[in-house]
Amino acid sequence: MNNDGIVVKYENLEYKEAIMHAYHVLSLYGRTKKHLQKLFPDPSDSEIEWLRLRTKMHEMIIAQHLRFTLVVLQQAETTDTVPEPIGRGIVEEAANGAKEEEKPVAAS
């Protein structure tokens, strides 16, 4: 879609639904941009390259460049397991390694 909300191309979606998503995506993207500018006054820190939104039904990836906004809408994976945070194992290993090194050595 262009940045005025006019849908240029859509696939696997009815036109009315594509228009609805376009309206809401531009609103969400604009509000997110405005909120980040309030949080980070420096323009280089408040720049958005892409936005990822995940719900129970869909996953949406939004990227805005010059005059166009690309929106990818896909069905979210249905998994019952909660993914483990990235890097958690490394932190635990480092903590365990540090504990082993801190063991007192008996003086003879």
PDB file of N, CA and C in Angstrom:
ATOM      1  N   MET A   1       0.841  -1.172   0.000  1.00  0.00           N
ATOM      2  CA  MET A   1       0.000   0.000   0.000  1.00  0.00           C
ATOM      3  C   MET A   1       0.888   1.237   0.000  1.00  0.00           C
ATOM      4  N   ASN A   2       0.341   2.311  -0.477  1.00  0.00           N
ATOM      5  CA  ASN A   2       1.115   3.545  -0.358  1.00  0.00           C
ATOM      6  C   ASN A   2       0.822   4.171   1.001  1.00  0.00           C
ATOM      7  N   ASN A   3       1.505   5.244   1.318  1.00  0.00           N
ATOM      8  CA  ASN A   3       1.378   5.826   2.655  1.00  0.00           C
ATOM      9  C   ASN A   3       0.070   6.597   2.864  1.00  0.00           C
ATOM     10  N   ASP A   4      -0.761   6.677   1.824  1.00  0.00           N
ATOM     11  CA  ASP A   4      -2.081   7.282   1.968  1.00  0.00           C
ATOM     12  C   ASP A   4      -3.137   6.241   2.317  1.00  0.00           C
ATOM     13  N   GLY A   5      -2.733   4.967   2.397  1.00  0.00           N
ATOM     14  CA  GLY A   5      -3.655   3.899   2.750  1.00  0.00           C
ATOM     15  C   GLY A   5      -4.315   3.229   1.563  1.00  0.00           C
ATOM     16  N   ILE A   6      -3.884   3.564   0.353  1.00  0.00           N
ATOM     17  CA  ILE A   6      -4.449   2.943  -0.844  1.00  0.00           C
ATOM     18  C   ILE A   6      -3.739   1.617  -1.085  1.00  0.00           C
ATOM     19  N   VAL A   7      -4.520   0.542  -1.101  1.00  0.00           N
ATOM     20  CA  VAL A   7      -3.957  -0.792  -1.275  1.00  0.00           C
ATOM     21  C   VAL A   7      -3.536  -0.962  -2.729  1.00  0.00           C
ATOM     22  N   VAL A   8      -2.268  -1.267  -2.945  1.00  0.00           N
ATOM     23  CA  VAL A   8      -1.727  -1.433  -4.284  1.00  0.00           C
ATOM     24  C   VAL A   8      -1.806  -2.895  -4.711  1.00  0.00           C
ATOM     25  N   LYS A   9      -1.412  -3.797  -3.818  1.00  0.00           N
ATOM     26  CA  LYS A   9      -1.421  -5.217  -4.144  1.00  0.00           C
ATOM     27  C   LYS A   9      -1.798  -6.009  -2.899  1.00  0.00           C
ATOM     28  N   TYR A  10      -2.610  -7.037  -3.096  1.00  0.00           N
ATOM     29  CA  TYR A  10      -2.983  -7.908  -1.989  1.00  0.00           C
ATOM     30  C   TYR A  10      -3.213  -9.313  -2.542  1.00  0.00           C
ATOM     31  N   GLU A  11      -2.925 -10.294  -1.735  1.00  0.00           N
ATOM     32  CA  GLU A  11      -3.103 -11.693  -2.126  1.00  0.00           C
ATOM     33  C   GLU A  11      -3.735 -12.454  -0.968  1.00  0.00           C
ATOM     34  N   ASN A  12      -4.547 -13.454  -1.299  1.00  0.00           N
ATOM     35  CA  ASN A  12      -5.176 -14.339  -0.315  1.00  0.00           C
ATOM     36  C   ASN A  12      -6.012 -13.581   0.716  1.00  0.00           C
ATOM     37  N   LEU A  13      -6.602 -12.481   0.301  1.00  0.00           N
ATOM     38  CA  LEU A  13      -7.365 -11.625   1.200  1.00  0.00           C
ATOM     39  C   LEU A  13      -8.430 -10.914   0.379  1.00  0.00           C
ATOM     40  N   GLU A  14      -9.610 -10.723   0.934  1.00  0.00           N
ATOM     41  CA  GLU A  14     -10.631  -9.953   0.230  1.00  0.00           C
ATOM     42  C   GLU A  14     -10.250  -8.478   0.258  1.00  0.00           C
ATOM     43  N   TYR A  15     -10.725  -7.729  -0.744  1.00  0.00           N
ATOM     44  CA  TYR A  15     -10.356  -6.320  -0.862  1.00  0.00           C
ATOM     45  C   TYR A  15     -10.800  -5.520   0.361  1.00  0.00           C
ATOM     46  N   LYS A  16     -12.010  -5.771   0.858  1.00  0.00           N
ATOM     47  CA  LYS A  16     -12.503  -5.038   2.031  1.00  0.00           C
ATOM     48  C   LYS A  16     -11.626  -5.296   3.251  1.00  0.00           C
ATOM     49  N   GLU A  17     -11.193  -6.535   3.408  1.00  0.00           N
ATOM     50  CA  GLU A  17     -10.326  -6.874   4.536  1.00  0.00           C
ATOM     51  C   GLU A  17      -8.949  -6.228   4.378  1.00  0.00           C
ATOM     52  N   ALA A  18      -8.459  -6.161   3.149  1.00  0.00           N
ATOM     53  CA  ALA A  18      -7.169  -5.511   2.889  1.00  0.00           C
ATOM     54  C   ALA A  18      -7.240  -4.024   3.221  1.00  0.00           C
ATOM     55  N   ILE A  19      -8.340  -3.384   2.879  1.00  0.00           N
ATOM     56  CA  ILE A  19      -8.519  -1.961   3.196  1.00  0.00           C
ATOM     57  C   ILE A  19      -8.583  -1.754   4.709  1.00  0.00           C
ATOM     58  N   MET A  20      -9.293  -2.647   5.402  1.00  0.00           N
ATOM     59  CA  MET A  20      -9.400  -2.541   6.860  1.00  0.00           C
ATOM     60  C   MET A  20      -8.015  -2.658   7.505  1.00  0.00           C
ATOM     61  N   HIS A  21      -7.234  -3.641   7.058  1.00  0.00           N
ATOM     62  CA  HIS A  21      -5.890  -3.806   7.606  1.00  0.00           C
ATOM     63  C   HIS A  21      -5.021  -2.589   7.286  1.00  0.00           C
ATOM     64  N   ALA A  22      -5.141  -2.051   6.080  1.00  0.00           N
ATOM     65  CA  ALA A  22      -4.347  -0.885   5.684  1.00  0.00           C
ATOM     66  C   ALA A  22      -4.627   0.300   6.601  1.00  0.00           C
ATOM     67  N   TYR A  23      -5.895   0.555   6.877  1.00  0.00           N
ATOM     68  CA  TYR A  23      -6.276   1.668   7.746  1.00  0.00           C
ATOM     69  C   TYR A  23      -5.682   1.496   9.139  1.00  0.00           C
ATOM     70  N   HIS A  24      -5.853   0.319   9.709  1.00  0.00           N
ATOM     71  CA  HIS A  24      -5.388   0.082  11.074  1.00  0.00           C
ATOM     72  C   HIS A  24      -3.862   0.032  11.162  1.00  0.00           C
ATOM     73  N   VAL A  25      -3.217  -0.500  10.144  1.00  0.00           N
ATOM     74  CA  VAL A  25      -1.754  -0.578  10.143  1.00  0.00           C
ATOM     75  C   VAL A  25      -1.144   0.816  10.111  1.00  0.00           C
ATOM     76  N   LEU A  26      -1.656   1.682   9.250  1.00  0.00           N
ATOM     77  CA  LEU A  26      -1.109   3.039   9.184  1.00  0.00           C
ATOM     78  C   LEU A  26      -1.339   3.792  10.489  1.00  0.00           C
ATOM     79  N   SER A  27      -2.488   3.581  11.105  1.00  0.00           N
ATOM     80  CA  SER A  27      -2.772   4.207  12.395  1.00  0.00           C
ATOM     81  C   SER A  27      -1.811   3.699  13.467  1.00  0.00           C
ATOM     82  N   LEU A  28      -1.630   2.385  13.533  1.00  0.00           N
ATOM     83  CA  LEU A  28      -0.719   1.782  14.511  1.00  0.00           C
ATOM     84  C   LEU A  28       0.716   2.242  14.290  1.00  0.00           C
ATOM     85  N   TYR A  29       1.151   2.254  13.049  1.00  0.00           N
ATOM     86  CA  TYR A  29       2.520   2.646  12.732  1.00  0.00           C
ATOM     87  C   TYR A  29       2.761   4.116  13.098  1.00  0.00           C
ATOM     88  N   GLY A  30       1.791   4.970  12.779  1.00  0.00           N
ATOM     89  CA  GLY A  30       1.914   6.390  13.112  1.00  0.00           C
ATOM     90  C   GLY A  30       1.967   6.634  14.612  1.00  0.00           C
ATOM     91  N   ARG A  31       1.116   5.939  15.354  1.00  0.00           N
ATOM     92  CA  ARG A  31       1.113   6.090  16.813  1.00  0.00           C
ATOM     93  C   ARG A  31       2.402   5.566  17.434  1.00  0.00           C
ATOM     94  N   THR A  32       2.893   4.454  16.913  1.00  0.00           N
ATOM     95  CA  THR A  32       4.148   3.891  17.423  1.00  0.00           C
ATOM     96  C   THR A  32       5.297   4.858  17.184  1.00  0.00           C
ATOM     97  N   LYS A  33       5.330   5.428  15.998  1.00  0.00           N
ATOM     98  CA  LYS A  33       6.384   6.384  15.649  1.00  0.00           C
ATOM     99  C   LYS A  33       6.335   7.611  16.572  1.00  0.00           C
ATOM    100  N   LYS A  34       5.129   8.122  16.807  1.00  0.00           N
ATOM    101  CA  LYS A  34       4.951   9.291  17.667  1.00  0.00           C
ATOM    102  C   LYS A  34       5.363   8.978  19.106  1.00  0.00           C
ATOM    103  N   HIS A  35       5.000   7.789  19.586  1.00  0.00           N
ATOM    104  CA  HIS A  35       5.342   7.392  20.949  1.00  0.00           C
ATOM    105  C   HIS A  35       6.856   7.240  21.113  1.00  0.00           C
ATOM    106  N   LEU A  36       7.516   6.664  20.126  1.00  0.00           N
ATOM    107  CA  LEU A  36       8.972   6.514  20.202  1.00  0.00           C
ATOM    108  C   LEU A  36       9.678   7.869  20.179  1.00  0.00           C
ATOM    109  N   GLN A  37       9.119   8.831  19.444  1.00  0.00           N
ATOM    110  CA  GLN A  37       9.707  10.171  19.425  1.00  0.00           C
ATOM    111  C   GLN A  37       9.590  10.840  20.787  1.00  0.00           C
ATOM    112  N   LYS A  38       8.524  10.534  21.530  1.00  0.00           N
ATOM    113  CA  LYS A  38       8.389  11.068  22.887  1.00  0.00           C
ATOM    114  C   LYS A  38       9.376  10.400  23.834  1.00  0.00           C
ATOM    115  N   LEU A  39       9.567   9.087  23.667  1.00  0.00           N
ATOM    116  CA  LEU A  39      10.494   8.360  24.537  1.00  0.00           C
ATOM    117  C   LEU A  39      11.948   8.714  24.263  1.00  0.00           C
ATOM    118  N   PHE A  40      12.289   8.832  22.983  1.00  0.00           N
ATOM    119  CA  PHE A  40      13.670   9.104  22.574  1.00  0.00           C
ATOM    120  C   PHE A  40      13.693  10.364  21.717  1.00  0.00           C
ATOM    121  N   PRO A  41      13.989  11.511  22.307  1.00  0.00           N
ATOM    122  CA  PRO A  41      13.973  12.769  21.555  1.00  0.00           C
ATOM    123  C   PRO A  41      14.986  12.819  20.407  1.00  0.00           C
ATOM    124  N   ASP A  42      16.082  12.064  20.515  1.00  0.00           N
ATOM    125  CA  ASP A  42      17.084  12.038  19.455  1.00  0.00           C
ATOM    126  C   ASP A  42      16.502  11.320  18.232  1.00  0.00           C
ATOM    127  N   PRO A  43      16.448  11.973  17.057  1.00  0.00           N
ATOM    128  CA  PRO A  43      15.833  11.354  15.873  1.00  0.00           C
ATOM    129  C   PRO A  43      16.482  10.038  15.443  1.00  0.00           C
ATOM    130  N   SER A  44      17.762   9.870  15.687  1.00  0.00           N
ATOM    131  CA  SER A  44      18.412   8.624  15.274  1.00  0.00           C
ATOM    132  C   SER A  44      17.985   7.446  16.152  1.00  0.00           C
ATOM    133  N   ASP A  45      17.569   7.722  17.392  1.00  0.00           N
ATOM    134  CA  ASP A  45      17.131   6.656  18.298  1.00  0.00           C
ATOM    135  C   ASP A  45      15.661   6.297  18.112  1.00  0.00           C
ATOM    136  N   SER A  46      14.867   7.212  17.563  1.00  0.00           N
ATOM    137  CA  SER A  46      13.427   6.971  17.457  1.00  0.00           C
ATOM    138  C   SER A  46      13.004   6.525  16.060  1.00  0.00           C
ATOM    139  N   GLU A  47      13.930   6.058  15.270  1.00  0.00           N
ATOM    140  CA  GLU A  47      13.627   5.625  13.910  1.00  0.00           C
ATOM    141  C   GLU A  47      13.156   4.166  13.914  1.00  0.00           C
ATOM    142  N   ILE A  48      12.085   3.877  13.177  1.00  0.00           N
ATOM    143  CA  ILE A  48      11.554   2.514  13.091  1.00  0.00           C
ATOM    144  C   ILE A  48      11.905   1.949  11.723  1.00  0.00           C
ATOM    145  N   GLU A  49      12.536   0.782  11.699  1.00  0.00           N
ATOM    146  CA  GLU A  49      12.796   0.112  10.429  1.00  0.00           C
ATOM    147  C   GLU A  49      11.647  -0.818  10.090  1.00  0.00           C
ATOM    148  N   TRP A  50      11.190  -1.577  11.075  1.00  0.00           N
ATOM    149  CA  TRP A  50      10.053  -2.467  10.878  1.00  0.00           C
ATOM    150  C   TRP A  50       9.384  -2.709  12.218  1.00  0.00           C
ATOM    151  N   LEU A  51       8.163  -3.161  12.141  1.00  0.00           N
ATOM    152  CA  LEU A  51       7.361  -3.404  13.334  1.00  0.00           C
ATOM    153  C   LEU A  51       6.750  -4.795  13.209  1.00  0.00           C
ATOM    154  N   ARG A  52       6.857  -5.584  14.248  1.00  0.00           N
ATOM    155  CA  ARG A  52       6.316  -6.947  14.230  1.00  0.00           C
ATOM    156  C   ARG A  52       5.257  -7.059  15.315  1.00  0.00           C
ATOM    157  N   LEU A  53       4.097  -7.532  14.926  1.00  0.00           N
ATOM    158  CA  LEU A  53       2.969  -7.675  15.838  1.00  0.00           C
ATOM    159  C   LEU A  53       2.470  -9.109  15.751  1.00  0.00           C
ATOM    160  N   ARG A  54       2.359  -9.751  16.891  1.00  0.00           N
ATOM    161  CA  ARG A  54       1.909 -11.144  16.905  1.00  0.00           C
ATOM    162  C   ARG A  54       0.705 -11.280  17.825  1.00  0.00           C
ATOM    163  N   THR A  55      -0.362 -11.865  17.293  1.00  0.00           N
ATOM    164  CA  THR A  55      -1.550 -12.157  18.076  1.00  0.00           C
ATOM    165  C   THR A  55      -1.795 -13.661  18.036  1.00  0.00           C
ATOM    166  N   LYS A  56      -2.882 -14.099  18.637  1.00  0.00           N
ATOM    167  CA  LYS A  56      -3.199 -15.530  18.602  1.00  0.00           C
ATOM    168  C   LYS A  56      -3.536 -15.996  17.191  1.00  0.00           C
ATOM    169  N   MET A  57      -4.104 -15.110  16.388  1.00  0.00           N
ATOM    170  CA  MET A  57      -4.526 -15.497  15.040  1.00  0.00           C
ATOM    171  C   MET A  57      -3.483 -15.207  13.971  1.00  0.00           C
ATOM    172  N   HIS A  58      -2.856 -14.046  14.037  1.00  0.00           N
ATOM    173  CA  HIS A  58      -1.971 -13.608  12.959  1.00  0.00           C
ATOM    174  C   HIS A  58      -0.633 -13.104  13.483  1.00  0.00           C
ATOM    175  N   GLU A  59       0.284 -13.021  12.556  1.00  0.00           N
ATOM    176  CA  GLU A  59       1.547 -12.335  12.793  1.00  0.00           C
ATOM    177  C   GLU A  59       1.666 -11.317  11.670  1.00  0.00           C
ATOM    178  N   MET A  60       1.956 -10.084  12.025  1.00  0.00           N
ATOM    179  CA  MET A  60       2.013  -9.016  11.043  1.00  0.00           C
ATOM    180  C   MET A  60       3.376  -8.346  11.113  1.00  0.00           C
ATOM    181  N   ILE A  61       3.993  -8.190   9.961  1.00  0.00           N
ATOM    182  CA  ILE A  61       5.275  -7.500   9.871  1.00  0.00           C
ATOM    183  C   ILE A  61       5.054  -6.277   8.988  1.00  0.00           C
ATOM    184  N   ILE A  62       5.419  -5.107   9.498  1.00  0.00           N
ATOM    185  CA  ILE A  62       5.159  -3.846   8.818  1.00  0.00           C
ATOM    186  C   ILE A  62       6.483  -3.118   8.615  1.00  0.00           C
ATOM    187  N   ALA A  63       6.739  -2.708   7.382  1.00  0.00           N
ATOM    188  CA  ALA A  63       7.947  -1.939   7.075  1.00  0.00           C
ATOM    189  C   ALA A  63       7.547  -0.774   6.179  1.00  0.00           C
ATOM    190  N   GLN A  64       8.011   0.419   6.515  1.00  0.00           N
ATOM    191  CA  GLN A  64       7.677   1.609   5.742  1.00  0.00           C
ATOM    192  C   GLN A  64       8.947   2.154   5.107  1.00  0.00           C
ATOM    193  N   HIS A  65       8.849   2.455   3.803  1.00  0.00           N
ATOM    194  CA  HIS A  65      10.005   3.001   3.097  1.00  0.00           C
ATOM    195  C   HIS A  65       9.515   4.021   2.077  1.00  0.00           C
ATOM    196  N   LEU A  66      10.005   5.236   2.204  1.00  0.00           N
ATOM    197  CA  LEU A  66       9.647   6.339   1.316  1.00  0.00           C
ATOM    198  C   LEU A  66       8.134   6.460   1.167  1.00  0.00           C
ATOM    199  N   ARG A  67       7.574   6.113   0.008  1.00  0.00           N
ATOM    200  CA  ARG A  67       6.150   6.333  -0.235  1.00  0.00           C
ATOM    201  C   ARG A  67       5.280   5.104  -0.001  1.00  0.00           C
ATOM    202  N   PHE A  68       5.882   3.978   0.343  1.00  0.00           N
ATOM    203  CA  PHE A  68       5.114   2.743   0.454  1.00  0.00           C
ATOM    204  C   PHE A  68       5.284   2.077   1.815  1.00  0.00           C
ATOM    205  N   THR A  69       4.277   1.317   2.182  1.00  0.00           N
ATOM    206  CA  THR A  69       4.304   0.524   3.405  1.00  0.00           C
ATOM    207  C   THR A  69       4.051  -0.925   3.015  1.00  0.00           C
ATOM    208  N   LEU A  70       4.959  -1.793   3.403  1.00  0.00           N
ATOM    209  CA  LEU A  70       4.821  -3.218   3.130  1.00  0.00           C
ATOM    210  C   LEU A  70       4.253  -3.887   4.374  1.00  0.00           C
ATOM    211  N   VAL A  71       3.189  -4.647   4.183  1.00  0.00           N
ATOM    212  CA  VAL A  71       2.562  -5.362   5.289  1.00  0.00           C
ATOM    213  C   VAL A  71       2.501  -6.839   4.918  1.00  0.00           C
ATOM    214  N   VAL A  72       3.073  -7.661   5.772  1.00  0.00           N
ATOM    215  CA  VAL A  72       3.003  -9.109   5.588  1.00  0.00           C
ATOM    216  C   VAL A  72       2.127  -9.649   6.704  1.00  0.00           C
ATOM    217  N   LEU A  73       1.064 -10.320   6.314  1.00  0.00           N
ATOM    218  CA  LEU A  73       0.128 -10.891   7.268  1.00  0.00           C
ATOM    219  C   LEU A  73       0.147 -12.402   7.082  1.00  0.00           C
ATOM    220  N   GLN A  74       0.488 -13.106   8.131  1.00  0.00           N
ATOM    221  CA  GLN A  74       0.533 -14.563   8.043  1.00  0.00           C
ATOM    222  C   GLN A  74      -0.099 -15.172   9.279  1.00  0.00           C
ATOM    223  N   GLN A  75      -0.498 -16.420   9.158  1.00  0.00           N
ATOM    224  CA  GLN A  75      -1.099 -17.101  10.292  1.00  0.00           C
ATOM    225  C   GLN A  75      -0.019 -17.419  11.306  1.00  0.00           C
ATOM    226  N   ALA A  76      -0.337 -17.177  12.559  1.00  0.00           N
ATOM    227  CA  ALA A  76       0.625 -17.446  13.630  1.00  0.00           C
ATOM    228  C   ALA A  76       0.723 -18.949  13.843  1.00  0.00           C
ATOM    229  N   GLU A  77       1.905 -19.391  14.226  1.00  0.00           N
ATOM    230  CA  GLU A  77       2.097 -20.803  14.534  1.00  0.00           C
ATOM    231  C   GLU A  77       1.297 -21.139  15.783  1.00  0.00           C
ATOM    232  N   THR A  78       0.691 -22.294  15.775  1.00  0.00           N
ATOM    233  CA  THR A  78      -0.080 -22.718  16.940  1.00  0.00           C
ATOM    234  C   THR A  78       0.733 -23.740  17.713  1.00  0.00           C
ATOM    235  N   THR A  79       1.492 -23.248  18.658  1.00  0.00           N
ATOM    236  CA  THR A  79       2.274 -24.129  19.518  1.00  0.00           C
ATOM    237  C   THR A  79       1.854 -23.886  20.951  1.00  0.00           C
ATOM    238  N   ASP A  80       1.787 -24.964  21.698  1.00  0.00           N
ATOM    239  CA  ASP A  80       1.411 -24.851  23.105  1.00  0.00           C
ATOM    240  C   ASP A  80       2.615 -24.603  23.997  1.00  0.00           C
ATOM    241  N   THR A  81       3.800 -24.821  23.467  1.00  0.00           N
ATOM    242  CA  THR A  81       5.001 -24.619  24.267  1.00  0.00           C
ATOM    243  C   THR A  81       5.423 -23.168  24.188  1.00  0.00           C
ATOM    244  N   VAL A  82       5.922 -22.681  25.276  1.00  0.00           N
ATOM    245  CA  VAL A  82       6.414 -21.310  25.333  1.00  0.00           C
ATOM    246  C   VAL A  82       7.886 -21.339  24.948  1.00  0.00           C
ATOM    247  N   PRO A  83       8.284 -20.538  23.941  1.00  0.00           N
ATOM    248  CA  PRO A  83       9.689 -20.561  23.548  1.00  0.00           C
ATOM    249  C   PRO A  83      10.584 -20.007  24.646  1.00  0.00           C
ATOM    250  N   GLU A  84      11.744 -20.597  24.783  1.00  0.00           N
ATOM    251  CA  GLU A  84      12.704 -20.149  25.786  1.00  0.00           C
ATOM    252  C   GLU A  84      13.376 -18.874  25.283  1.00  0.00           C
ATOM    253  N   PRO A  85      13.555 -17.880  26.133  1.00  0.00           N
ATOM    254  CA  PRO A  85      14.196 -16.641  25.703  1.00  0.00           C
ATOM    255  C   PRO A  85      15.598 -16.904  25.155  1.00  0.00           C
ATOM    256  N   ILE A  86      15.959 -16.136  24.161  1.00  0.00           N
ATOM    257  CA  ILE A  86      17.270 -16.288  23.539  1.00  0.00           C
ATOM    258  C   ILE A  86      18.351 -15.866  24.524  1.00  0.00           C
ATOM    259  N   GLY A  87      19.406 -16.656  24.611  1.00  0.00           N
ATOM    260  CA  GLY A  87      20.546 -16.312  25.443  1.00  0.00           C
ATOM    261  C   GLY A  87      20.427 -16.742  26.886  1.00  0.00           C
ATOM    262  N   ARG A  88      19.327 -17.332  27.265  1.00  0.00           N
ATOM    263  CA  ARG A  88      19.155 -17.713  28.666  1.00  0.00           C
ATOM    264  C   ARG A  88      20.158 -18.789  29.069  1.00  0.00           C
ATOM    265  N   GLY A  89      20.383 -19.756  28.187  1.00  0.00           N
ATOM    266  CA  GLY A  89      21.329 -20.825  28.483  1.00  0.00           C
ATOM    267  C   GLY A  89      22.732 -20.299  28.695  1.00  0.00           C
ATOM    268  N   ILE A  90      23.109 -19.299  27.946  1.00  0.00           N
ATOM    269  CA  ILE A  90      24.448 -18.723  28.065  1.00  0.00           C
ATOM    270  C   ILE A  90      24.615 -18.047  29.418  1.00  0.00           C
ATOM    271  N   VAL A  91      23.587 -17.339  29.864  1.00  0.00           N
ATOM    272  CA  VAL A  91      23.657 -16.659  31.157  1.00  0.00           C
ATOM    273  C   VAL A  91      23.770 -17.687  32.277  1.00  0.00           C
ATOM    274  N   GLU A  92      22.969 -18.764  32.189  1.00  0.00           N
ATOM    275  CA  GLU A  92      23.025 -19.790  33.227  1.00  0.00           C
ATOM    276  C   GLU A  92      24.384 -20.479  33.245  1.00  0.00           C
ATOM    277  N   GLU A  93      24.942 -20.750  32.054  1.00  0.00           N
ATOM    278  CA  GLU A  93      26.257 -21.383  31.992  1.00  0.00           C
ATOM    279  C   GLU A  93      27.316 -20.475  32.595  1.00  0.00           C
ATOM    280  N   ALA A  94      27.227 -19.181  32.298  1.00  0.00           N
ATOM    281  CA  ALA A  94      28.201 -18.237  32.838  1.00  0.00           C
ATOM    282  C   ALA A  94      28.070 -18.162  34.359  1.00  0.00           C
ATOM    283  N   ALA A  95      26.838 -18.188  34.848  1.00  0.00           N
ATOM    284  CA  ALA A  95      26.622 -18.132  36.296  1.00  0.00           C
ATOM    285  C   ALA A  95      27.147 -19.399  36.956  1.00  0.00           C
ATOM    286  N   ASN A  96      26.895 -20.541  36.350  1.00  0.00           N
ATOM    287  CA  ASN A  96      27.402 -21.797  36.904  1.00  0.00           C
ATOM    288  C   ASN A  96      28.925 -21.838  36.857  1.00  0.00           C
ATOM    289  N   GLY A  97      29.502 -21.339  35.778  1.00  0.00           N
ATOM    290  CA  GLY A  97      30.960 -21.303  35.654  1.00  0.00           C
ATOM    291  C   GLY A  97      31.580 -20.396  36.695  1.00  0.00           C
ATOM    292  N   ALA A  98      30.917 -19.276  36.962  1.00  0.00           N
ATOM    293  CA  ALA A  98      31.437 -18.341  37.961  1.00  0.00           C
ATOM    294  C   ALA A  98      31.369 -18.960  39.351  1.00  0.00           C
ATOM    295  N   LYS A  99      30.317 -19.730  39.625  1.00  0.00           N
ATOM    296  CA  LYS A  99      30.181 -20.359  40.935  1.00  0.00           C
ATOM    297  C   LYS A  99      31.273 -21.400  41.149  1.00  0.00           C
ATOM    298  N   GLU A 100      31.604 -22.115  40.093  1.00  0.00           N
ATOM    299  CA  GLU A 100      32.647 -23.129  40.224  1.00  0.00           C
ATOM    300  C   GLU A 100      33.999 -22.493  40.504  1.00  0.00           C
ATOM    301  N   GLU A 101      34.261 -21.345  39.898  1.00  0.00           N
ATOM    302  CA  GLU A 101      35.540 -20.675  40.088  1.00  0.00           C
ATOM    303  C   GLU A 101      35.651 -20.067  41.480  1.00  0.00           C
ATOM    304  N   GLU A 102      34.539 -19.739  42.111  1.00  0.00           N
ATOM    305  CA  GLU A 102      34.551 -19.075  43.407  1.00  0.00           C
ATOM    306  C   GLU A 102      34.689 -20.046  44.575  1.00  0.00           C
ATOM    307  N   LYS A 103      34.821 -21.329  44.313  1.00  0.00           N
ATOM    308  CA  LYS A 103      34.951 -22.297  45.400  1.00  0.00           C
ATOM    309  C   LYS A 103      36.237 -22.026  46.169  1.00  0.00           C
ATOM    310  N   PRO A 104      36.132 -21.977  47.487  1.00  0.00           N
ATOM    311  CA  PRO A 104      37.341 -21.708  48.275  1.00  0.00           C
ATOM    312  C   PRO A 104      38.292 -22.910  48.225  1.00  0.00           C
ATOM    313  N   VAL A 105      39.538 -22.589  48.211  1.00  0.00           N
ATOM    314  CA  VAL A 105      40.571 -23.623  48.188  1.00  0.00           C
ATOM    315  C   VAL A 105      41.076 -23.796  49.610  1.00  0.00           C
ATOM    316  N   ALA A 106      41.099 -25.030  50.056  1.00  0.00           N
ATOM    317  CA  ALA A 106      41.547 -25.305  51.427  1.00  0.00           C
ATOM    318  C   ALA A 106      43.055 -25.113  51.525  1.00  0.00           C
ATOM    319  N   ALA A 107      43.472 -24.375  52.531  1.00  0.00           N
ATOM    320  CA  ALA A 107      44.906 -24.147  52.741  1.00  0.00           C
ATOM    321  C   ALA A 107      45.486 -25.322  53.511  1.00  0.00           C
ATOM    322  N   SER A 108      46.668 -25.758  53.125  1.00  0.00           N
ATOM    323  CA  SER A 108      47.264 -26.880  53.837  1.00  0.00           C
ATOM    324  C   SER A 108      48.399 -26.443  54.719  1.00  0.00           C
TER     325      SER A 108
END
